[in-house]
Amino acid sequence: MIRVTRHIALDEAEIGESFIRASGPGGQNVNKLATAVQLRFDARRSPSLPDEVRERLERLAGRRVTREGVIVITAQRHRTRERNREDALERLLELIRQAAERPIARRPTRPTAASKRRRLETKRRLAGIKNLRRGQIDRD
């Protein structure tokens, strides 16, 4: 079990990995070895995630989520498979941690009387300046 938060733990069997050839650093190795990791996590069918976390996770994942609800994370920053595996897993866990946090509901507020007065005063002043810029039309 992989601990994500106090209330969420993922089973390691829920996460699939495949190795692909990476672009970037690695010298000749980059042409020979498959060091990049493609991590797949089926968020939609995961029994470990509560429904509200699942919805937020799919929204946060953006283009990394497929139509079927599978989150695909590709890691190729490092030269070794192991470091790329760790990187991909940490990025997935961080995404789930972000989704697990409940967003704070915004309470609408009203502008204060002083801010209304300042806004109208500025508006009046700028309108006066624009009026002065208007040229007088000569009618002869």
C-alpha atoms as a PDB file:
ATOM      1  CA  MET A   1       0.000   0.000   0.000  1.00  0.00           C
ATOM      2  CA  ILE A   2       1.191   3.478  -0.918  1.00  0.00           C
ATOM      3  CA  ARG A   3       0.189   6.139   1.602  1.00  0.00           C
ATOM      4  CA  VAL A   4      -1.059   9.308  -0.108  1.00  0.00           C
ATOM      5  CA  THR A   5      -2.819  11.134   2.729  1.00  0.00           C
ATOM      6  CA  ARG A   6      -4.054  10.076   6.173  1.00  0.00           C
ATOM      7  CA  HIS A   7      -7.302   8.809   4.647  1.00  0.00           C
ATOM      8  CA  ILE A   8      -6.174   7.675   1.190  1.00  0.00           C
ATOM      9  CA  ALA A   9      -3.870   4.763   0.389  1.00  0.00           C
ATOM     10  CA  LEU A  10      -3.365   3.246  -3.062  1.00  0.00           C
ATOM     11  CA  ASP A  11      -2.800  -0.413  -3.773  1.00  0.00           C
ATOM     12  CA  GLU A  12       0.381  -0.893  -5.813  1.00  0.00           C
ATOM     13  CA  ALA A  13      -1.557  -3.145  -8.223  1.00  0.00           C
ATOM     14  CA  GLU A  14      -3.654  -0.109  -9.282  1.00  0.00           C
ATOM     15  CA  ILE A  15      -0.598   1.550 -10.830  1.00  0.00           C
ATOM     16  CA  GLY A  16       0.741   0.233 -14.119  1.00  0.00           C
ATOM     17  CA  GLU A  17       4.152   1.051 -15.536  1.00  0.00           C
ATOM     18  CA  SER A  18       5.638   0.682 -18.963  1.00  0.00           C
ATOM     19  CA  PHE A  19       9.060   1.736 -20.133  1.00  0.00           C
ATOM     20  CA  ILE A  20       9.665   3.671 -23.329  1.00  0.00           C
ATOM     21  CA  ARG A  21      12.632   5.309 -24.991  1.00  0.00           C
ATOM     22  CA  ALA A  22      13.299   8.760 -23.669  1.00  0.00           C
ATOM     23  CA  SER A  23      14.413  11.894 -25.405  1.00  0.00           C
ATOM     24  CA  GLY A  24      16.881  14.195 -23.715  1.00  0.00           C
ATOM     25  CA  PRO A  25      19.980  13.405 -21.623  1.00  0.00           C
ATOM     26  CA  GLY A  26      21.615  10.010 -21.744  1.00  0.00           C
ATOM     27  CA  GLY A  27      24.185  10.088 -24.528  1.00  0.00           C
ATOM     28  CA  GLN A  28      24.237   6.866 -26.543  1.00  0.00           C
ATOM     29  CA  ASN A  29      22.119   5.177 -23.875  1.00  0.00           C
ATOM     30  CA  VAL A  30      19.114   7.202 -24.965  1.00  0.00           C
ATOM     31  CA  ASN A  31      19.143   5.303 -28.267  1.00  0.00           C
ATOM     32  CA  LYS A  32      19.565   1.859 -26.690  1.00  0.00           C
ATOM     33  CA  LEU A  33      17.663   1.753 -23.398  1.00  0.00           C
ATOM     34  CA  ALA A  34      14.053   2.396 -22.490  1.00  0.00           C
ATOM     35  CA  THR A  35      14.560   4.621 -19.444  1.00  0.00           C
ATOM     36  CA  ALA A  36      11.436   6.782 -19.627  1.00  0.00           C
ATOM     37  CA  VAL A  37       8.486   5.601 -17.546  1.00  0.00           C
ATOM     38  CA  GLN A  38       4.849   5.833 -18.535  1.00  0.00           C
ATOM     39  CA  LEU A  39       2.780   5.447 -15.383  1.00  0.00           C
ATOM     40  CA  ARG A  40      -0.936   4.612 -15.735  1.00  0.00           C
ATOM     41  CA  PHE A  41      -3.517   4.964 -12.960  1.00  0.00           C
ATOM     42  CA  ASP A  42      -7.202   4.186 -13.560  1.00  0.00           C
ATOM     43  CA  ALA A  43      -8.748   6.923 -11.426  1.00  0.00           C
ATOM     44  CA  ARG A  44     -12.320   6.216 -12.489  1.00  0.00           C
ATOM     45  CA  ARG A  45     -12.260   2.581 -11.339  1.00  0.00           C
ATOM     46  CA  SER A  46     -10.011   3.005  -8.311  1.00  0.00           C
ATOM     47  CA  PRO A  47     -11.673   1.784  -5.093  1.00  0.00           C
ATOM     48  CA  SER A  48      -9.170   3.808  -3.054  1.00  0.00           C
ATOM     49  CA  LEU A  49     -10.511   7.230  -4.043  1.00  0.00           C
ATOM     50  CA  PRO A  50     -13.698   8.855  -2.734  1.00  0.00           C
ATOM     51  CA  ASP A  51     -16.016  10.207  -5.457  1.00  0.00           C
ATOM     52  CA  GLU A  52     -15.328  13.896  -4.769  1.00  0.00           C
ATOM     53  CA  VAL A  53     -11.549  13.339  -4.868  1.00  0.00           C
ATOM     54  CA  ARG A  54     -11.917  11.362  -8.118  1.00  0.00           C
ATOM     55  CA  GLU A  55     -13.816  14.232  -9.783  1.00  0.00           C
ATOM     56  CA  ARG A  56     -11.290  16.850  -8.664  1.00  0.00           C
ATOM     57  CA  LEU A  57      -8.414  14.588  -9.729  1.00  0.00           C
ATOM     58  CA  GLU A  58      -9.764  14.197 -13.268  1.00  0.00           C
ATOM     59  CA  ARG A  59     -10.231  17.957 -13.503  1.00  0.00           C
ATOM     60  CA  LEU A  60      -6.715  18.661 -12.192  1.00  0.00           C
ATOM     61  CA  ALA A  61      -5.091  16.062 -14.467  1.00  0.00           C
ATOM     62  CA  GLY A  62      -6.273  17.931 -17.565  1.00  0.00           C
ATOM     63  CA  ARG A  63      -4.816  16.451 -20.752  1.00  0.00           C
ATOM     64  CA  ARG A  64      -3.049  13.692 -18.812  1.00  0.00           C
ATOM     65  CA  VAL A  65      -6.379  11.874 -18.361  1.00  0.00           C
ATOM     66  CA  THR A  66      -7.868   9.705 -21.130  1.00  0.00           C
ATOM     67  CA  ARG A  67     -11.556   9.411 -22.028  1.00  0.00           C
ATOM     68  CA  GLU A  68     -11.713   6.231 -19.962  1.00  0.00           C
ATOM     69  CA  GLY A  69     -10.471   8.079 -16.864  1.00  0.00           C
ATOM     70  CA  VAL A  70      -6.915   6.692 -16.901  1.00  0.00           C
ATOM     71  CA  ILE A  71      -4.251   9.159 -15.805  1.00  0.00           C
ATOM     72  CA  VAL A  72      -1.032   8.805 -17.809  1.00  0.00           C
ATOM     73  CA  ILE A  73       2.148  10.391 -16.459  1.00  0.00           C
ATOM     74  CA  THR A  74       5.358  10.204 -18.469  1.00  0.00           C
ATOM     75  CA  ALA A  75       8.661  10.784 -16.673  1.00  0.00           C
ATOM     76  CA  GLN A  76      11.930  11.146 -18.567  1.00  0.00           C
ATOM     77  CA  ARG A  77      13.813  13.830 -16.640  1.00  0.00           C
ATOM     78  CA  HIS A  78      16.473  11.453 -15.335  1.00  0.00           C
ATOM     79  CA  ARG A  79      18.909   9.059 -16.974  1.00  0.00           C
ATOM     80  CA  THR A  80      17.900   5.965 -15.014  1.00  0.00           C
ATOM     81  CA  ARG A  81      14.704   3.954 -14.966  1.00  0.00           C
ATOM     82  CA  GLU A  82      14.545   3.895 -11.188  1.00  0.00           C
ATOM     83  CA  ARG A  83      14.758   7.679 -10.786  1.00  0.00           C
ATOM     84  CA  ASN A  84      12.144   8.159 -13.514  1.00  0.00           C
ATOM     85  CA  ARG A  85       9.858   5.659 -11.742  1.00  0.00           C
ATOM     86  CA  GLU A  86      10.208   7.577  -8.487  1.00  0.00           C
ATOM     87  CA  ASP A  87       9.603  10.879 -10.282  1.00  0.00           C
ATOM     88  CA  ALA A  88       6.441   9.637 -12.021  1.00  0.00           C
ATOM     89  CA  LEU A  89       5.049   8.111  -8.816  1.00  0.00           C
ATOM     90  CA  GLU A  90       5.760  11.268  -6.808  1.00  0.00           C
ATOM     91  CA  ARG A  91       4.036  13.405  -9.466  1.00  0.00           C
ATOM     92  CA  LEU A  92       0.955  11.131  -9.336  1.00  0.00           C
ATOM     93  CA  LEU A  93       0.850  11.222  -5.532  1.00  0.00           C
ATOM     94  CA  GLU A  94       1.190  15.016  -5.522  1.00  0.00           C
ATOM     95  CA  LEU A  95      -1.699  15.276  -7.987  1.00  0.00           C
ATOM     96  CA  ILE A  96      -3.867  13.077  -5.751  1.00  0.00           C
ATOM     97  CA  ARG A  97      -2.877  15.111  -2.673  1.00  0.00           C
ATOM     98  CA  GLN A  98      -3.965  18.314  -4.423  1.00  0.00           C
ATOM     99  CA  ALA A  99      -7.279  16.692  -5.383  1.00  0.00           C
ATOM    100  CA  ALA A 100      -7.809  15.485  -1.801  1.00  0.00           C
ATOM    101  CA  GLU A 101      -7.797  19.058  -0.469  1.00  0.00           C
ATOM    102  CA  ARG A 102     -11.265  20.524  -0.361  1.00  0.00           C
ATOM    103  CA  PRO A 103     -11.377  23.924  -2.053  1.00  0.00           C
ATOM    104  CA  ILE A 104     -12.430  26.749   0.226  1.00  0.00           C
ATOM    105  CA  ALA A 105     -15.845  28.032  -0.768  1.00  0.00           C
ATOM    106  CA  ARG A 106     -15.748  31.697  -1.718  1.00  0.00           C
ATOM    107  CA  ARG A 107     -18.017  33.937   0.294  1.00  0.00           C
ATOM    108  CA  PRO A 108     -19.125  36.849  -1.837  1.00  0.00           C
ATOM    109  CA  THR A 109     -18.416  40.228  -0.225  1.00  0.00           C
ATOM    110  CA  ARG A 110     -19.767  43.663  -0.932  1.00  0.00           C
ATOM    111  CA  PRO A 111     -17.569  46.657  -1.691  1.00  0.00           C
ATOM    112  CA  THR A 112     -17.236  49.073   1.239  1.00  0.00           C
ATOM    113  CA  ALA A 113     -18.736  52.568   1.101  1.00  0.00           C
ATOM    114  CA  ALA A 114     -15.228  54.074   1.050  1.00  0.00           C
ATOM    115  CA  SER A 115     -14.159  51.929  -1.952  1.00  0.00           C
ATOM    116  CA  LYS A 116     -17.331  52.913  -3.839  1.00  0.00           C
ATOM    117  CA  ARG A 117     -16.617  56.584  -3.093  1.00  0.00           C
ATOM    118  CA  ARG A 118     -12.980  56.246  -4.275  1.00  0.00           C
ATOM    119  CA  ARG A 119     -14.036  54.482  -7.470  1.00  0.00           C
ATOM    120  CA  LEU A 120     -16.618  57.148  -8.329  1.00  0.00           C
ATOM    121  CA  GLU A 121     -14.186  59.970  -7.496  1.00  0.00           C
ATOM    122  CA  THR A 122     -11.536  58.479  -9.798  1.00  0.00           C
ATOM    123  CA  LYS A 123     -14.155  58.004 -12.489  1.00  0.00           C
ATOM    124  CA  ARG A 124     -15.237  61.643 -12.178  1.00  0.00           C
ATOM    125  CA  ARG A 125     -11.649  62.901 -12.269  1.00  0.00           C
ATOM    126  CA  LEU A 126     -10.743  60.867 -15.381  1.00  0.00           C
ATOM    127  CA  ALA A 127     -13.952  61.961 -17.129  1.00  0.00           C
ATOM    128  CA  GLY A 128     -13.023  65.597 -16.388  1.00  0.00           C
ATOM    129  CA  ILE A 129      -9.561  65.106 -17.886  1.00  0.00           C
ATOM    130  CA  LYS A 130     -11.052  63.563 -21.025  1.00  0.00           C
ATOM    131  CA  ASN A 131     -13.509  66.463 -21.297  1.00  0.00           C
ATOM    132  CA  LEU A 132     -10.618  68.935 -21.244  1.00  0.00           C
ATOM    133  CA  ARG A 133      -8.910  67.014 -24.073  1.00  0.00           C
ATOM    134  CA  ARG A 134     -11.896  67.453 -26.374  1.00  0.00           C
ATOM    135  CA  GLY A 135     -11.273  70.299 -28.754  1.00  0.00           C
ATOM    136  CA  GLN A 136     -13.740  73.160 -29.085  1.00  0.00           C
ATOM    137  CA  ILE A 137     -15.486  73.242 -32.435  1.00  0.00           C
ATOM    138  CA  ASP A 138     -15.233  76.648 -34.179  1.00  0.00           C
ATOM    139  CA  ARG A 139     -18.483  77.593 -35.817  1.00  0.00           C
ATOM    140  CA  ASP A 140     -18.096  80.624 -38.056  1.00  0.00           C
END
